[in-house]
Amino acid sequence: MSATGISTHVLDTSRGQPAVGVPVILERDEAGDWVELARGVTDTDGRLSGLLPTGPPTAGDYRLRFLTAAYFARVGDAIFYPEVILQVRFTAPGGKYHLPLLLSPFGYSTYRGS
């Protein structure tokens, strides 16, 4: 992961392993409208780095949309959360933001990673 930017890591806590192949969309709030900035899919380690290809993030509201329905369907779990949205506010430009998602069929949690 670079010194600046946005990345994520999705772990399937019910299996104790990375959540492979989860589509993720990065959006930014632009005057009340969510604008897509980037998208990607978690790799074999459940990671997705370099989500902001245009350089370091500016101050503002961002969100990561994890499209979890496809992942849960692929692994044969119930789909209770077809999508998980993490909305964050960056108060200063630049910086490194790692936003992990701990995921299970009936729950999830997150934190600001390093």
Protein backbone atom coordinates (compact mmCIF):
# COMPACT_ATOMS: atom_id res chain seq x y z
CA MET A 1 0.00 0.00 0.00
CA SER A 2 1.30 3.46 -0.83
CA ALA A 3 1.89 6.32 1.62
CA THR A 4 -1.27 8.00 0.37
CA GLY A 5 -4.57 6.73 -0.94
CA ILE A 6 -7.45 4.47 -0.05
CA SER A 7 -7.36 0.71 0.39
CA THR A 8 -9.45 -2.02 1.95
CA HIS A 9 -9.19 -5.59 3.16
CA VAL A 10 -12.24 -7.86 3.50
CA LEU A 11 -12.06 -10.81 5.86
CA ASP A 12 -14.79 -13.44 6.13
CA THR A 13 -14.86 -13.93 9.89
CA SER A 14 -17.26 -16.89 9.65
CA ARG A 15 -14.64 -18.81 7.66
CA GLY A 16 -11.49 -17.23 9.11
CA GLN A 17 -10.17 -16.35 5.67
CA PRO A 18 -10.01 -13.52 3.13
CA ALA A 19 -13.18 -12.70 1.21
CA VAL A 20 -12.02 -13.18 -2.37
CA GLY A 21 -13.78 -11.55 -5.30
CA VAL A 22 -15.86 -8.92 -3.49
CA PRO A 23 -16.65 -6.01 -5.84
CA VAL A 24 -15.97 -2.62 -4.23
CA ILE A 25 -16.99 0.83 -5.49
CA LEU A 26 -15.40 4.05 -4.20
CA GLU A 27 -17.62 7.14 -4.35
CA ARG A 28 -17.29 10.76 -3.26
CA ASP A 29 -20.07 13.15 -2.27
CA GLU A 30 -20.15 16.01 -4.78
CA ALA A 31 -22.76 18.57 -3.69
CA GLY A 32 -25.19 15.90 -2.52
CA ASP A 33 -24.63 13.43 -5.38
CA TRP A 34 -22.48 10.34 -5.01
CA VAL A 35 -19.96 10.18 -7.87
CA GLU A 36 -18.07 6.99 -8.63
CA LEU A 37 -14.30 7.46 -8.52
CA ALA A 38 -13.08 3.88 -8.86
CA ARG A 39 -14.02 0.25 -8.58
CA GLY A 40 -12.23 -3.03 -8.14
CA VAL A 41 -12.46 -6.56 -6.78
CA THR A 42 -10.71 -8.02 -3.75
CA ASP A 43 -7.76 -10.26 -4.59
CA THR A 44 -6.84 -13.72 -3.26
CA ASP A 45 -5.81 -12.11 0.04
CA GLY A 46 -9.09 -10.16 0.28
CA ARG A 47 -7.25 -6.90 -0.41
CA LEU A 48 -7.86 -4.02 -2.76
CA SER A 49 -5.27 -1.26 -2.80
CA GLY A 50 -4.84 1.82 -4.93
CA LEU A 51 -8.56 2.54 -5.01
CA LEU A 52 -7.96 6.21 -5.77
CA PRO A 53 -6.03 6.26 -9.06
CA THR A 54 -6.00 10.06 -9.39
CA GLY A 55 -3.70 10.74 -6.44
CA PRO A 56 -4.20 11.40 -2.74
CA PRO A 57 -7.74 11.98 -1.48
CA THR A 58 -9.00 15.49 -0.89
CA ALA A 59 -11.04 16.45 2.16
CA GLY A 60 -14.68 15.39 1.93
CA ASP A 61 -17.16 12.56 2.35
CA TYR A 62 -16.37 9.24 0.71
CA ARG A 63 -17.95 5.83 0.78
CA LEU A 64 -16.96 2.32 -0.08
CA ARG A 65 -19.78 0.13 -1.36
CA PHE A 66 -19.06 -3.56 -0.90
CA LEU A 67 -21.32 -5.58 -3.21
CA THR A 68 -21.48 -8.61 -0.94
CA ALA A 69 -24.43 -10.47 -2.51
CA ALA A 70 -22.26 -12.03 -5.23
CA TYR A 71 -19.69 -13.18 -2.66
CA PHE A 72 -22.27 -14.73 -0.34
CA ALA A 73 -24.01 -16.46 -3.27
CA ARG A 74 -20.68 -17.87 -4.49
CA VAL A 75 -19.76 -19.31 -1.08
CA GLY A 76 -23.29 -20.62 -0.49
CA ASP A 77 -24.30 -18.40 2.41
CA ALA A 78 -27.57 -16.61 3.05
CA ILE A 79 -27.68 -13.08 1.65
CA PHE A 80 -28.81 -10.86 4.50
CA TYR A 81 -26.55 -7.91 3.65
CA PRO A 82 -26.47 -7.72 -0.17
CA GLU A 83 -24.43 -4.53 0.12
CA VAL A 84 -22.36 -2.93 2.88
CA ILE A 85 -21.68 0.79 2.75
CA LEU A 86 -18.86 2.40 4.72
CA GLN A 87 -19.14 6.17 4.69
CA VAL A 88 -16.23 8.21 6.00
CA ARG A 89 -15.22 11.86 6.22
CA PHE A 90 -11.66 12.96 5.51
CA THR A 91 -11.07 16.34 7.14
CA ALA A 92 -7.71 17.07 5.53
CA PRO A 93 -6.30 16.39 2.06
CA GLY A 94 -3.79 13.61 1.47
CA GLY A 95 -3.05 10.80 3.83
CA LYS A 96 -3.37 7.04 3.86
CA TYR A 97 -6.77 5.50 4.59
CA HIS A 98 -7.08 1.76 5.06
CA LEU A 99 -10.71 0.76 5.64
CA PRO A 100 -11.03 -2.97 6.46
CA LEU A 101 -14.32 -4.85 6.55
CA LEU A 102 -14.85 -7.87 8.80
CA LEU A 103 -17.73 -9.75 7.23
CA SER A 104 -20.03 -12.64 8.09
CA PRO A 105 -23.45 -13.65 6.73
CA PHE A 106 -25.37 -11.85 9.49
CA GLY A 107 -23.02 -9.12 10.65
CA TYR A 108 -20.06 -6.91 9.84
CA SER A 109 -17.72 -4.43 11.48
CA THR A 110 -15.06 -2.00 10.37
CA TYR A 111 -12.32 0.24 11.70
CA ARG A 112 -9.67 2.62 10.43
CA GLY A 113 -6.64 0.47 9.76
CA SER A 114 -3.05 1.45 9.17
